[in-house]
Amino acid sequence: MSLLSLKNLFKTFGGLVAVNGVSFEVDENAIMGLIGPNGAGKTTVFNAITGNYKPDSGEVIFDRKHITGMPTHEIVRLGIARTFQNIRLFKSMRLVENVLAGCHCRMKAGVFSSILRLPSQRKEEARAVERSMRELAFVGLDSQYNNLAGNLSYGNQRLLEIARALASDPRFLILDEPAGGMNDQETEDLMEIIHAIQGRGITILLIEHDMNLVMRICKHLVVLEYGAVIAEGTPEEIKKNPLVIEAYLGAEE
């Protein structure tokens, strides 16, 4: 069953057509890849899904609900979380505090109860800290919970972003180049984490330039070029597609 559907999505910036009639579906509990050369429109598609950009036309449907142009905070509450191509952490804050930021959308305490530190607010905060520590343990960073995010290696900063996204309790997780800056071992570890995320019942949409990772972890791929879908299918089908070979993988491949 489809969890996310994009229907004829368009987005322009001035005279530049960044997304040109993109349509595809992501099945529930799938790991699906969105690939293409630099400038193909992949991140713009992500931003249209998450509310960072409002499409000029077309529809974004999540769990049978039209979310096109909906504010980002409402989309997060519906169960869509993401990481970013350019890491966006609070680098002067501790790891656990960064992950706590992901819990915020699920917390119910208001200004009054927070100022007075009412028992209900303290219990909710304790549950959020516990959840944050579980997510740090999930990505292997719990032993560094008190460290500053800016002190982490580039690869571990990407894992911290994943932990923060998971703390928002998503049903659908968008990963924008999560293997960027990782060495081979870190990439292998990342693959295990992505499979474990899927094992939690979370659907994953992945942008990644590491073709080895994409071909091994995704069952279905969509390929963009110049903002339009040029191919869609299994990794084996994509590897043999002449349009993809010419546009992205290279003639030698």
Protein backbone atom coordinates (compact mmCIF):
# COMPACT_ATOMS: atom_id res chain seq x y z
CA MET A 1 0.00 0.00 0.00
CA SER A 2 1.24 3.47 -0.89
CA LEU A 3 2.11 5.71 2.08
CA LEU A 4 3.32 8.74 0.08
CA SER A 5 2.23 9.86 -3.38
CA LEU A 6 3.54 12.73 -5.49
CA LYS A 7 1.31 13.73 -8.38
CA ASN A 8 2.57 15.97 -11.19
CA LEU A 9 4.70 18.14 -8.92
CA PHE A 10 6.11 21.40 -10.34
CA LYS A 11 8.45 23.91 -8.69
CA THR A 12 10.23 26.82 -10.34
CA PHE A 13 12.69 29.41 -9.07
CA GLY A 14 12.47 32.41 -11.37
CA GLY A 15 13.07 31.01 -14.84
CA LEU A 16 14.56 27.75 -13.55
CA VAL A 17 12.31 24.68 -13.55
CA ALA A 18 13.65 22.68 -10.58
CA VAL A 19 10.88 20.04 -10.47
CA ASN A 20 9.07 19.26 -13.69
CA GLY A 21 5.95 17.12 -13.36
CA VAL A 22 7.36 14.59 -10.87
CA SER A 23 5.05 11.71 -9.94
CA PHE A 24 5.88 8.59 -7.94
CA GLU A 25 4.68 6.57 -4.96
CA VAL A 26 6.46 5.15 -1.93
CA ASP A 27 5.03 1.93 -0.50
CA GLU A 28 4.59 1.56 3.23
CA ASN A 29 7.67 0.13 5.05
CA ALA A 30 9.78 0.34 1.88
CA ILE A 31 13.31 1.67 1.45
CA MET A 32 13.15 3.64 -1.79
CA GLY A 33 15.92 5.61 -3.47
CA LEU A 34 15.71 8.93 -5.33
CA ILE A 35 18.84 9.39 -7.43
CA GLY A 36 20.16 11.59 -10.21
CA PRO A 37 23.03 13.94 -11.05
CA ASN A 38 23.71 17.12 -9.10
CA GLY A 39 21.04 19.71 -9.83
CA ALA A 40 18.47 17.11 -10.87
CA GLY A 41 15.92 18.41 -8.36
CA LYS A 42 16.13 15.69 -5.70
CA THR A 43 16.43 17.93 -2.65
CA THR A 44 13.76 20.26 -4.05
CA VAL A 45 11.40 17.28 -4.17
CA PHE A 46 12.28 16.51 -0.53
CA ASN A 47 11.64 20.13 0.44
CA ALA A 48 8.24 20.03 -1.27
CA ILE A 49 7.30 16.91 0.71
CA THR A 50 8.38 18.36 4.07
CA GLY A 51 6.87 21.82 3.59
CA ASN A 52 10.13 23.72 3.24
CA TYR A 53 9.01 24.68 -0.28
CA LYS A 54 5.46 25.11 -1.52
CA PRO A 55 5.03 23.51 -4.98
CA ASP A 56 3.74 25.73 -7.78
CA SER A 57 1.34 22.94 -8.69
CA GLY A 58 0.76 19.24 -8.12
CA GLU A 59 -0.12 17.23 -5.04
CA VAL A 60 1.68 15.65 -2.10
CA ILE A 61 -0.44 12.98 -0.41
CA PHE A 62 0.64 11.27 2.81
CA ASP A 63 -1.45 8.43 4.23
CA ARG A 64 -4.39 9.55 2.04
CA LYS A 65 -4.16 13.12 3.40
CA HIS A 66 -3.35 16.06 1.11
CA ILE A 67 -0.39 17.88 2.69
CA THR A 68 0.65 20.10 -0.24
CA GLY A 69 1.89 23.43 1.12
CA MET A 70 1.14 22.48 4.73
CA PRO A 71 3.42 24.14 7.34
CA THR A 72 6.51 22.14 8.25
CA HIS A 73 5.60 21.70 11.94
CA GLU A 74 2.23 20.20 10.99
CA ILE A 75 3.88 17.79 8.56
CA VAL A 76 6.26 16.64 11.31
CA ARG A 77 3.31 15.99 13.63
CA LEU A 78 1.71 13.84 10.92
CA GLY A 79 4.79 11.59 11.02
CA ILE A 80 7.28 12.81 8.39
CA ALA A 81 10.84 13.48 9.55
CA ARG A 82 14.05 14.25 7.65
CA THR A 83 17.78 14.80 7.75
CA PHE A 84 19.59 17.39 5.65
CA GLN A 85 22.22 17.30 2.93
CA ASN A 86 24.05 20.06 4.82
CA ILE A 87 24.12 19.02 8.47
CA ARG A 88 21.93 21.20 10.68
CA LEU A 89 22.75 20.55 14.31
CA PHE A 90 23.00 22.74 17.39
CA LYS A 91 26.75 22.26 17.55
CA SER A 92 27.28 24.12 20.82
CA MET A 93 24.70 21.93 22.56
CA ARG A 94 25.07 18.40 23.93
CA LEU A 95 24.07 15.35 21.92
CA VAL A 96 21.12 14.58 24.19
CA GLU A 97 19.89 18.18 23.87
CA ASN A 98 20.00 17.95 20.09
CA VAL A 99 17.88 14.79 20.15
CA LEU A 100 15.49 16.35 22.67
CA ALA A 101 14.72 18.97 20.02
CA GLY A 102 13.24 16.16 17.94
CA CYS A 103 10.90 15.20 20.79
CA HIS A 104 9.43 18.69 21.03
CA CYS A 105 6.66 18.15 18.47
CA ARG A 106 5.21 15.34 20.63
CA MET A 107 5.34 17.19 23.95
CA LYS A 108 2.15 18.74 25.36
CA ALA A 109 3.29 20.88 28.28
CA GLY A 110 2.46 24.55 27.81
CA VAL A 111 4.20 27.73 28.89
CA PHE A 112 2.40 27.86 32.24
CA SER A 113 3.27 24.32 33.34
CA SER A 114 6.85 24.70 32.08
CA ILE A 115 7.46 27.92 33.99
CA LEU A 116 6.04 26.46 37.20
CA ARG A 117 7.71 23.09 36.61
CA LEU A 118 4.50 21.24 37.40
CA PRO A 119 4.74 17.47 38.07
CA SER A 120 3.13 16.67 34.69
CA GLN A 121 5.75 18.76 32.88
CA ARG A 122 8.64 17.15 34.79
CA LYS A 123 7.34 13.65 33.99
CA GLU A 124 6.98 14.52 30.32
CA GLU A 125 10.49 15.95 30.23
CA ALA A 126 11.90 12.83 31.89
CA ARG A 127 10.17 10.65 29.28
CA ALA A 128 11.64 12.81 26.52
CA VAL A 129 15.16 12.47 27.93
CA GLU A 130 14.68 8.70 28.19
CA ARG A 131 13.48 8.59 24.56
CA SER A 132 16.45 10.69 23.46
CA MET A 133 18.90 8.33 25.16
CA ARG A 134 17.23 5.34 23.46
CA GLU A 135 17.65 6.98 20.06
CA LEU A 136 21.29 7.82 20.79
CA ALA A 137 21.84 4.17 21.75
CA PHE A 138 20.11 3.10 18.54
CA VAL A 139 22.73 4.92 16.43
CA GLY A 140 25.61 4.01 18.78
CA LEU A 141 26.19 7.45 20.32
CA ASP A 142 24.74 7.03 23.82
CA SER A 143 28.17 6.93 25.47
CA GLN A 144 28.80 10.45 24.16
CA TYR A 145 25.44 11.90 25.22
CA ASN A 146 27.10 14.69 27.24
CA ASN A 147 29.54 15.65 24.49
CA LEU A 148 28.97 18.72 22.32
CA ALA A 149 27.59 17.96 18.86
CA GLY A 150 30.31 20.06 17.24
CA ASN A 151 32.98 17.74 18.67
CA LEU A 152 31.70 14.72 16.73
CA SER A 153 33.23 13.45 13.52
CA TYR A 154 31.34 14.30 10.34
CA GLY A 155 29.97 10.78 10.06
CA ASN A 156 28.75 10.76 13.66
CA GLN A 157 27.10 14.14 13.18
CA ARG A 158 25.03 12.53 10.44
CA LEU A 159 24.06 9.73 12.84
CA LEU A 160 23.07 12.33 15.42
CA GLU A 161 20.76 13.93 12.85
CA ILE A 162 19.14 10.55 12.28
CA ALA A 163 18.66 10.10 16.04
CA ARG A 164 17.03 13.53 16.28
CA ALA A 165 14.69 12.71 13.39
CA LEU A 166 13.72 9.39 14.99
CA ALA A 167 12.92 11.16 18.27
CA SER A 168 9.99 12.87 16.53
CA ASP A 169 8.37 9.41 16.24
CA PRO A 170 8.04 9.37 12.43
CA ARG A 171 6.24 6.92 10.17
CA PHE A 172 8.14 8.22 7.14
CA LEU A 173 11.84 9.19 7.22
CA ILE A 174 13.57 11.18 4.49
CA LEU A 175 17.37 10.82 4.41
CA ASP A 176 19.27 13.37 2.30
CA GLU A 177 22.73 11.94 1.51
CA PRO A 178 23.24 10.29 4.92
CA ALA A 179 26.50 8.61 3.84
CA GLY A 180 28.12 11.88 2.81
CA GLY A 181 31.56 12.19 4.43
CA MET A 182 31.52 8.63 5.79
CA ASN A 183 34.30 6.08 5.30
CA ASP A 184 33.61 2.52 4.12
CA GLN A 185 33.10 1.08 7.61
CA GLU A 186 30.83 3.93 8.66
CA THR A 187 28.78 3.39 5.50
CA GLU A 188 28.40 -0.31 6.31
CA ASP A 189 27.26 0.60 9.82
CA LEU A 190 24.82 3.11 8.34
CA MET A 191 23.28 0.40 6.16
CA GLU A 192 22.63 -1.69 9.26
CA ILE A 193 20.99 1.29 10.96
CA ILE A 194 18.76 1.97 7.94
CA HIS A 195 17.64 -1.66 7.89
CA ALA A 196 16.98 -1.46 11.64
CA ILE A 197 14.88 1.69 11.10
CA GLN A 198 12.83 -0.19 8.52
CA GLY A 199 12.47 -2.97 11.09
CA ARG A 200 10.72 -0.47 13.35
CA GLY A 201 8.00 -0.09 10.70
CA ILE A 202 9.31 3.22 9.35
CA THR A 203 9.21 3.91 5.61
CA ILE A 204 12.40 5.44 4.16
CA LEU A 205 13.02 7.67 1.15
CA LEU A 206 16.71 8.08 0.43
CA ILE A 207 18.83 10.46 -1.63
CA GLU A 208 22.38 9.15 -1.92
CA HIS A 209 25.31 9.47 -4.33
CA ASP A 210 26.99 6.31 -3.01
CA MET A 211 25.65 3.98 -5.71
CA ASN A 212 26.97 0.88 -3.96
CA LEU A 213 24.84 1.72 -0.90
CA VAL A 214 21.79 2.62 -3.01
CA MET A 215 21.90 -0.53 -5.12
CA ARG A 216 22.34 -2.76 -2.08
CA ILE A 217 19.74 -1.25 0.23
CA CYS A 218 16.89 -0.04 -2.02
CA LYS A 219 14.37 -2.34 -3.67
CA HIS A 220 13.00 0.42 -5.87
CA LEU A 221 14.58 3.54 -7.39
CA VAL A 222 13.35 6.72 -9.06
CA VAL A 223 15.82 8.63 -11.25
CA LEU A 224 15.60 12.37 -11.88
CA GLU A 225 17.29 14.51 -14.51
CA TYR A 226 16.59 18.21 -15.05
CA GLY A 227 13.74 17.98 -12.56
CA ALA A 228 11.87 15.18 -14.37
CA VAL A 229 11.58 11.43 -13.79
CA ILE A 230 13.55 9.60 -16.51
CA ALA A 231 13.41 6.08 -15.05
CA GLU A 232 11.85 4.02 -12.28
CA GLY A 233 12.33 0.40 -11.29
CA THR A 234 14.45 -2.12 -9.42
CA PRO A 235 18.21 -1.56 -9.03
CA GLU A 236 18.89 -4.15 -11.76
CA GLU A 237 16.50 -2.41 -14.14
CA ILE A 238 18.01 0.99 -13.37
CA LYS A 239 21.58 -0.21 -13.91
CA LYS A 240 20.64 -1.40 -17.41
CA ASN A 241 18.55 1.63 -18.39
CA PRO A 242 20.34 3.54 -21.21
CA LEU A 243 18.91 6.90 -20.11
CA VAL A 244 20.31 6.41 -16.61
CA ILE A 245 23.66 5.21 -17.92
CA GLU A 246 23.98 8.33 -20.04
CA ALA A 247 22.65 10.78 -17.46
CA TYR A 248 24.08 9.53 -14.19
CA LEU A 249 26.10 6.33 -14.08
CA GLY A 250 28.34 7.23 -17.01
CA ALA A 251 28.90 5.59 -20.37
CA GLU A 252 31.67 3.32 -19.04
CA GLU A 253 29.22 1.79 -16.54
